[in-house]
């Protein structure tokens, strides 16, 4: 049995695939299985996968018609034979020691899953340099490097949503038949997988060390598809349906407030992603959904920050007001420009030059006030 099965769901990523494959086949953990699912690619992705499969017996290549991310991932899960399962998106890559470190941690602590911090990156088009942003799964820093039962600490579901920065015990995945949503045309099916792995786990751990390298400059990524308006809503319906299954009543009572917290932020993320023409309609839709959650007493405002409480309240009570105040410019180039300027201004204010300049400006003001007092 391989120690880790690594699933690589592939669709039209010719430009990035070799970098991804090289990072996986060169892992310091050699006892791995690499399952590549070609989901009907129309570029050169399949040929690249075939070339690697011909040279490395650890690679299992599945070539299928295009049916979507969820179907492809589920085929990979069905074929996996490893003790643990990892996921690598084909436009991303991983450092060479990632799976050895994660596997050793999982074994030493008998974990259902272990996840680590990660980097998001873009490449400068002019010089090819990589620009990195460190992403902490836990913004508080209080839940790292310890065994956690999510049922006892449901707030950990507020951590950054991803499925690829860790590994999952295959026996655990099979016991609860954890699989992806396969609704035709769906996107963001990793949300459903994320929630299932958290809700059923008894032993998990988060590491405060970054491994996975997540690309943010692929124009074909689902994140950048402005036409997929209601995909996130469909995915959260899928998640709720799992919570509503017989035997999951206690899990729902424990996680429902955090489910709706995550749902709200997933919806507001969608506002920034979709085309402007759909934003008003989308705000009206999610206002109704969130209002219904309030009526069903599935919202705990204490889970939200005061700033978010104000926004959430406006969304529920006055969707048009929310649209005008927050949604209208969200995700536009103008909003991005404003955020960039705000960040630059903040950095200037923190700089030594600014602080010294401010002090020098205060000196003549104090002298001037002294003259006024002596008059």
Protein backbone atom coordinates (compact mmCIF):
# COMPACT_ATOMS: atom_id res chain seq x y z
CA UNK A 1 0.00 0.00 0.00
CA UNK A 2 1.42 3.44 -0.92
CA UNK A 3 1.79 5.85 1.96
CA UNK A 4 0.04 8.68 0.10
CA UNK A 5 -2.15 8.78 -3.02
CA UNK A 6 -1.93 12.18 -4.71
CA UNK A 7 -4.87 13.11 -6.95
CA UNK A 8 -4.28 15.64 -9.74
CA UNK A 9 -7.56 16.62 -11.49
CA UNK A 10 -6.56 18.01 -14.88
CA UNK A 11 -8.37 20.17 -17.43
CA UNK A 12 -6.65 22.45 -19.96
CA UNK A 13 -3.61 23.44 -17.89
CA UNK A 14 -0.89 22.83 -20.46
CA UNK A 15 1.01 25.98 -19.48
CA UNK A 16 1.41 24.95 -15.83
CA UNK A 17 1.23 21.15 -15.79
CA UNK A 18 4.92 20.28 -16.13
CA UNK A 19 5.86 22.44 -13.14
CA UNK A 20 3.14 20.71 -11.13
CA UNK A 21 4.13 17.18 -12.17
CA UNK A 22 7.83 17.77 -11.53
CA UNK A 23 7.07 18.90 -7.99
CA UNK A 24 5.05 15.75 -7.31
CA UNK A 25 7.25 13.06 -8.86
CA UNK A 26 10.32 14.47 -7.08
CA UNK A 27 8.82 14.26 -3.59
CA UNK A 28 11.23 13.05 -0.90
CA UNK A 29 8.48 10.61 0.10
CA UNK A 30 8.97 8.05 -2.67
CA UNK A 31 6.25 5.58 -1.68
CA UNK A 32 3.43 7.50 -3.32
CA UNK A 33 0.73 6.89 -5.89
CA UNK A 34 -0.01 9.69 -8.39
CA UNK A 35 -3.52 9.60 -9.85
CA UNK A 36 -3.95 11.96 -12.82
CA UNK A 37 -7.52 12.47 -14.04
CA UNK A 38 -7.68 14.08 -17.47
CA UNK A 39 -11.18 15.56 -17.68
CA UNK A 40 -11.46 15.86 -21.46
CA UNK A 41 -8.71 18.44 -21.96
CA UNK A 42 -8.61 20.01 -25.42
CA UNK A 43 -5.06 21.37 -25.18
CA UNK A 44 -1.81 19.46 -24.72
CA UNK A 45 -2.45 18.39 -21.11
CA UNK A 46 -3.18 14.74 -21.93
CA UNK A 47 0.03 14.36 -23.94
CA UNK A 48 2.05 15.79 -21.05
CA UNK A 49 0.44 13.33 -18.62
CA UNK A 50 1.12 10.42 -20.97
CA UNK A 51 4.78 11.36 -21.20
CA UNK A 52 5.11 11.35 -17.42
CA UNK A 53 3.12 8.12 -17.03
CA UNK A 54 5.40 6.36 -19.53
CA UNK A 55 8.44 7.26 -17.41
CA UNK A 56 7.05 6.77 -13.88
CA UNK A 57 5.22 3.59 -12.85
CA UNK A 58 3.71 5.33 -9.83
CA UNK A 59 1.44 7.37 -12.11
CA UNK A 60 -2.11 6.13 -12.75
CA UNK A 61 -3.60 7.97 -15.72
CA UNK A 62 -7.36 8.17 -16.28
CA UNK A 63 -8.50 9.77 -19.53
CA UNK A 64 -12.22 10.58 -19.59
CA UNK A 65 -14.73 12.88 -21.23
CA UNK A 66 -15.35 16.25 -19.66
CA UNK A 67 -17.77 15.84 -16.75
CA UNK A 68 -16.51 18.42 -14.29
CA UNK A 69 -14.28 18.70 -11.25
CA UNK A 70 -16.48 16.76 -8.83
CA UNK A 71 -16.79 13.68 -11.04
CA UNK A 72 -13.06 13.63 -11.74
CA UNK A 73 -12.13 13.99 -8.08
CA UNK A 74 -14.51 11.22 -7.06
CA UNK A 75 -12.96 8.89 -9.63
CA UNK A 76 -9.59 9.71 -8.10
CA UNK A 77 -10.89 8.96 -4.60
CA UNK A 78 -12.35 5.66 -5.80
CA UNK A 79 -9.04 4.61 -7.37
CA UNK A 80 -6.81 5.69 -4.48
CA UNK A 81 -5.09 2.86 -2.60
CA UNK A 82 -2.78 4.89 -0.35
CA UNK A 83 -2.93 5.12 3.41
CA UNK A 84 -3.52 8.86 3.08
CA UNK A 85 -4.83 11.00 0.22
CA UNK A 86 -3.53 14.35 -1.00
CA UNK A 87 -4.80 16.72 -3.69
CA UNK A 88 -2.75 18.93 -6.01
CA UNK A 89 -4.43 21.29 -8.45
CA UNK A 90 -2.61 21.06 -11.81
CA UNK A 91 -1.75 24.76 -11.99
CA UNK A 92 -0.19 24.69 -8.51
CA UNK A 93 2.93 22.96 -7.20
CA UNK A 94 4.30 21.62 -3.93
CA UNK A 95 7.72 21.74 -2.21
CA UNK A 96 9.62 18.47 -2.33
CA UNK A 97 9.31 17.65 1.38
CA UNK A 98 5.59 18.40 1.74
CA UNK A 99 4.14 14.90 1.70
CA UNK A 100 6.92 13.33 3.77
CA UNK A 101 6.41 15.92 6.50
CA UNK A 102 2.61 15.69 6.44
CA UNK A 103 2.63 11.89 6.41
CA UNK A 104 5.04 11.65 9.35
CA UNK A 105 2.90 14.10 11.34
CA UNK A 106 -0.29 12.19 10.52
CA UNK A 107 1.22 8.85 11.54
CA UNK A 108 2.83 10.12 14.73
CA UNK A 109 -0.47 11.62 15.90
CA UNK A 110 -2.96 9.10 14.42
CA UNK A 111 -4.78 11.85 12.51
CA UNK A 112 -7.87 11.75 10.31
CA UNK A 113 -6.33 14.69 8.50
CA UNK A 114 -3.51 17.20 8.82
CA UNK A 115 -3.33 20.56 7.03
CA UNK A 116 -0.65 23.24 6.87
CA UNK A 117 -0.32 26.92 6.07
CA UNK A 118 0.36 27.73 2.43
CA UNK A 119 1.49 30.37 -0.04
CA UNK A 120 -0.55 32.07 -2.74
CA UNK A 121 1.57 33.25 -5.62
CA UNK A 122 1.61 35.07 -8.93
CA UNK A 123 4.41 35.42 -11.44
CA UNK A 124 5.53 38.79 -12.74
CA UNK A 125 4.84 38.80 -16.49
CA UNK A 126 7.88 40.98 -17.22
CA UNK A 127 10.65 39.23 -15.29
CA UNK A 128 9.08 35.92 -14.22
CA UNK A 129 9.72 36.59 -10.54
CA UNK A 130 7.35 34.97 -8.07
CA UNK A 131 5.34 37.17 -5.72
CA UNK A 132 4.30 35.29 -2.56
CA UNK A 133 1.63 35.87 0.06
CA UNK A 134 1.78 33.75 3.22
CA UNK A 135 -1.66 32.43 4.24
CA UNK A 136 -2.24 31.39 7.85
CA UNK A 137 -5.06 28.86 8.21
CA UNK A 138 -5.67 30.11 11.76
CA UNK A 139 -5.57 33.90 12.04
CA UNK A 140 -5.38 33.68 15.86
CA UNK A 141 -2.41 31.32 15.92
CA UNK A 142 -3.90 29.50 18.92
CA UNK A 143 -4.81 26.19 17.30
CA UNK A 144 -1.61 25.04 15.64
CA UNK A 145 0.41 21.88 16.31
CA UNK A 146 -2.12 20.17 18.55
CA UNK A 147 -4.64 17.37 18.07
CA UNK A 148 -8.14 18.83 17.72
CA UNK A 149 -11.61 17.30 17.60
CA UNK A 150 -13.65 19.69 15.39
CA UNK A 151 -16.85 18.80 17.26
CA UNK A 152 -15.29 20.21 20.43
CA UNK A 153 -13.97 23.30 18.63
CA UNK A 154 -16.43 23.98 15.79
CA UNK A 155 -14.99 27.46 15.29
CA UNK A 156 -12.02 25.94 13.45
CA UNK A 157 -14.30 25.67 10.40
CA UNK A 158 -13.72 29.43 10.13
CA UNK A 159 -10.18 28.67 8.96
CA UNK A 160 -9.29 29.39 5.31
CA UNK A 161 -11.20 26.99 3.07
CA UNK A 162 -9.07 24.68 0.97
CA UNK A 163 -8.73 20.95 0.43
CA UNK A 164 -5.20 20.75 -1.00
CA UNK A 165 -2.92 21.95 1.82
CA UNK A 166 -3.12 18.65 3.69
CA UNK A 167 -3.68 14.89 3.55
CA UNK A 168 -6.65 12.75 4.63
CA UNK A 169 -6.73 9.20 5.98
CA UNK A 170 -8.30 7.09 3.23
CA UNK A 171 -9.95 4.73 5.72
CA UNK A 172 -11.68 7.77 7.24
CA UNK A 173 -12.74 9.11 3.82
CA UNK A 174 -14.25 5.73 2.94
CA UNK A 175 -15.94 5.20 6.32
CA UNK A 176 -18.06 8.32 5.85
CA UNK A 177 -18.13 8.09 2.03
CA UNK A 178 -16.82 11.62 1.70
CA UNK A 179 -17.17 12.68 -1.91
CA UNK A 180 -17.56 15.81 -4.06
CA UNK A 181 -20.77 17.28 -5.43
CA UNK A 182 -21.31 16.12 -9.03
CA UNK A 183 -24.13 18.47 -10.07
CA UNK A 184 -23.65 19.23 -13.81
CA UNK A 185 -22.05 22.63 -14.34
CA UNK A 186 -21.18 22.98 -10.66
CA UNK A 187 -18.06 24.74 -9.37
CA UNK A 188 -16.38 25.22 -6.00
CA UNK A 189 -17.08 21.58 -5.06
CA UNK A 190 -14.08 21.69 -2.75
CA UNK A 191 -16.35 23.48 -0.25
CA UNK A 192 -18.45 20.36 0.21
CA UNK A 193 -15.38 18.17 0.64
CA UNK A 194 -13.97 20.66 3.16
CA UNK A 195 -17.11 20.56 5.29
CA UNK A 196 -17.41 16.79 5.28
CA UNK A 197 -13.80 16.30 6.36
CA UNK A 198 -14.33 18.68 9.29
CA UNK A 199 -17.75 17.50 10.45
CA UNK A 200 -16.83 13.81 10.72
CA UNK A 201 -13.22 14.06 11.96
CA UNK A 202 -12.20 13.11 15.48
CA UNK A 203 -8.49 13.88 15.26
CA UNK A 204 -6.98 16.61 13.09
CA UNK A 205 -4.04 18.99 13.25
CA UNK A 206 -2.95 22.27 11.67
CA UNK A 207 0.70 23.12 11.12
CA UNK A 208 2.07 26.66 11.23
CA UNK A 209 4.48 25.99 8.40
CA UNK A 210 3.70 26.80 4.76
CA UNK A 211 4.07 24.13 2.09
CA UNK A 212 1.54 24.23 -0.74
CA UNK A 213 1.97 26.81 -3.53
CA UNK A 214 -1.42 28.04 -4.78
CA UNK A 215 -1.42 29.92 -8.10
CA UNK A 216 -3.59 33.04 -8.39
CA UNK A 217 -2.81 34.20 -11.92
CA UNK A 218 -4.48 31.48 -14.01
CA UNK A 219 -7.18 33.31 -16.03
CA UNK A 220 -9.08 30.04 -16.57
CA UNK A 221 -9.53 29.33 -12.86
CA UNK A 222 -13.09 28.99 -11.53
CA UNK A 223 -12.32 31.90 -9.23
CA UNK A 224 -12.02 34.10 -12.32
CA UNK A 225 -15.16 32.87 -14.11
CA UNK A 226 -17.56 35.79 -13.83
CA UNK A 227 -20.53 33.94 -15.36
CA UNK A 228 -20.95 31.19 -12.76
CA UNK A 229 -23.35 33.11 -10.57
CA UNK A 230 -25.15 30.59 -8.35
CA UNK A 231 -22.57 27.80 -8.13
CA UNK A 232 -21.68 28.64 -4.53
CA UNK A 233 -25.35 28.58 -3.53
CA UNK A 234 -25.74 25.14 -5.09
CA UNK A 235 -22.68 23.94 -3.23
CA UNK A 236 -23.98 25.15 0.13
CA UNK A 237 -27.31 23.45 -0.55
CA UNK A 238 -25.30 20.26 -1.12
CA UNK A 239 -23.52 20.74 2.22
CA UNK A 240 -26.77 21.38 4.05
CA UNK A 241 -28.33 18.25 2.55
CA UNK A 242 -25.49 16.21 4.07
CA UNK A 243 -26.08 17.80 7.48
CA UNK A 244 -29.79 16.98 7.15
CA UNK A 245 -29.16 13.26 6.58
CA UNK A 246 -30.44 10.89 9.24
CA UNK A 247 -27.90 10.49 12.00
CA UNK A 248 -26.32 13.91 11.49
CA UNK A 249 -28.74 15.86 13.69
CA UNK A 250 -26.20 16.39 16.47
CA UNK A 251 -23.56 17.49 13.97
CA UNK A 252 -25.94 20.07 12.50
CA UNK A 253 -26.76 21.53 15.92
CA UNK A 254 -23.07 21.81 16.65
CA UNK A 255 -21.94 23.31 13.34
CA UNK A 256 -24.95 25.24 12.03
CA UNK A 257 -23.82 28.68 13.18
CA UNK A 258 -20.41 28.19 11.58
CA UNK A 259 -21.96 26.74 8.44
CA UNK A 260 -23.92 29.97 7.99
CA UNK A 261 -20.89 32.08 8.88
CA UNK A 262 -18.91 30.37 6.14
CA UNK A 263 -21.88 30.50 3.81
CA UNK A 264 -22.22 34.27 4.23
CA UNK A 265 -18.56 34.89 3.42
CA UNK A 266 -18.68 32.49 0.47
CA UNK A 267 -21.62 34.48 -0.89
CA UNK A 268 -19.90 37.84 -0.43
CA UNK A 269 -16.84 36.38 -2.15
CA UNK A 270 -19.14 35.53 -5.05
CA UNK A 271 -20.35 39.14 -5.25
CA UNK A 272 -16.80 40.26 -5.94
CA UNK A 273 -16.30 37.54 -8.54
CA UNK A 274 -19.40 37.74 -10.75
CA UNK A 275 -20.15 40.26 -13.51
CA UNK A 276 -21.70 43.59 -12.49
CA UNK A 277 -24.90 42.81 -14.40
CA UNK A 278 -25.72 39.96 -11.99
CA UNK A 279 -24.83 41.64 -8.70
CA UNK A 280 -28.16 43.23 -7.78
CA UNK A 281 -30.06 40.03 -8.56
CA UNK A 282 -27.53 38.00 -6.59
CA UNK A 283 -27.73 40.28 -3.54
CA UNK A 284 -31.52 39.93 -3.55
CA UNK A 285 -31.16 36.14 -3.68
CA UNK A 286 -28.69 35.82 -0.84
CA UNK A 287 -30.65 38.33 1.25
CA UNK A 288 -33.63 35.97 1.14
CA UNK A 289 -31.45 32.98 1.99
CA UNK A 290 -29.83 34.68 4.97
CA UNK A 291 -33.16 36.06 6.18
CA UNK A 292 -34.55 32.53 6.13
CA UNK A 293 -31.58 31.34 8.18
CA UNK A 294 -32.32 34.06 10.76
CA UNK A 295 -35.98 32.97 10.93
CA UNK A 296 -34.89 29.37 11.50
CA UNK A 297 -32.59 30.53 14.33
CA UNK A 298 -29.53 29.24 12.49
CA UNK A 299 -27.54 32.47 12.88
CA UNK A 300 -25.48 33.42 15.92
CA UNK A 301 -24.35 37.02 15.51
CA UNK A 302 -21.66 36.50 18.16
CA UNK A 303 -19.77 34.40 15.62
CA UNK A 304 -19.35 37.53 13.45
CA UNK A 305 -17.18 40.56 14.13
CA UNK A 306 -19.01 43.84 14.91
CA UNK A 307 -18.16 45.16 11.44
CA UNK A 308 -19.58 42.05 9.77
CA UNK A 309 -22.66 42.14 12.00
CA UNK A 310 -23.48 45.56 10.57
CA UNK A 311 -23.03 44.36 7.00
CA UNK A 312 -25.01 41.18 7.60
CA UNK A 313 -27.85 43.13 9.18
CA UNK A 314 -28.03 45.49 6.21
CA UNK A 315 -28.04 42.58 3.76
CA UNK A 316 -31.01 40.95 5.50
CA UNK A 317 -33.05 44.11 6.14
CA UNK A 318 -32.23 46.22 3.08
CA UNK A 319 -30.68 44.31 0.16
CA UNK A 320 -30.84 47.36 -2.11
CA UNK A 321 -29.00 49.41 0.52
CA UNK A 322 -26.41 46.65 0.80
CA UNK A 323 -26.03 46.59 -2.96
CA UNK A 324 -25.49 50.34 -3.13
CA UNK A 325 -23.11 50.51 -0.18
CA UNK A 326 -21.03 47.36 -0.56
CA UNK A 327 -21.80 45.26 -3.64
CA UNK A 328 -21.91 47.82 -6.43
CA UNK A 329 -18.15 48.30 -6.62
CA UNK A 330 -17.03 45.02 -5.09
CA UNK A 331 -14.68 43.16 -7.40
CA UNK A 332 -14.39 46.02 -9.90
CA UNK A 333 -11.09 47.49 -10.98
CA UNK A 334 -12.02 50.68 -9.12
CA UNK A 335 -12.51 48.78 -5.87
CA UNK A 336 -9.22 46.97 -6.40
CA UNK A 337 -7.50 50.31 -7.03
CA UNK A 338 -8.92 51.78 -3.84
CA UNK A 339 -7.82 48.75 -1.81
CA UNK A 340 -4.34 48.99 -3.33
CA UNK A 341 -4.09 52.68 -2.44
CA UNK A 342 -5.33 52.00 1.09
CA UNK A 343 -2.67 49.32 1.51
CA UNK A 344 0.05 51.62 0.17
CA UNK A 345 -1.08 54.42 2.49
CA UNK A 346 -1.00 52.06 5.46
CA UNK A 347 2.53 50.97 4.57
CA UNK A 348 3.65 54.59 4.26
CA UNK A 349 2.21 55.41 7.69
CA UNK A 350 4.13 52.50 9.22
CA UNK A 351 7.42 53.55 7.62
CA UNK A 352 10.23 55.20 9.57
CA UNK A 353 10.40 58.03 7.03
CA UNK A 354 6.77 58.93 7.63
CA UNK A 355 7.16 58.82 11.42
CA UNK A 356 10.25 61.04 11.34
CA UNK A 357 8.55 63.46 8.94
CA UNK A 358 5.50 63.60 11.17
CA UNK A 359 7.66 64.40 14.19
CA UNK A 360 9.44 67.19 12.31
CA UNK A 361 6.09 68.64 11.25
CA UNK A 362 4.90 68.65 14.86
CA UNK A 363 7.92 70.69 16.02
CA UNK A 364 7.10 73.96 14.19
CA UNK A 365 3.44 73.55 15.17
CA UNK A 366 4.37 73.36 18.85
CA UNK A 367 6.62 76.43 18.47
CA UNK A 368 3.77 78.30 16.77
CA UNK A 369 1.38 77.39 19.61
CA UNK A 370 4.00 78.63 22.10
CA UNK A 371 4.15 82.04 20.39
CA UNK A 372 0.36 82.31 20.48
CA UNK A 373 0.29 81.62 24.21
CA UNK A 374 2.91 84.33 24.88
CA UNK A 375 1.01 87.01 22.97
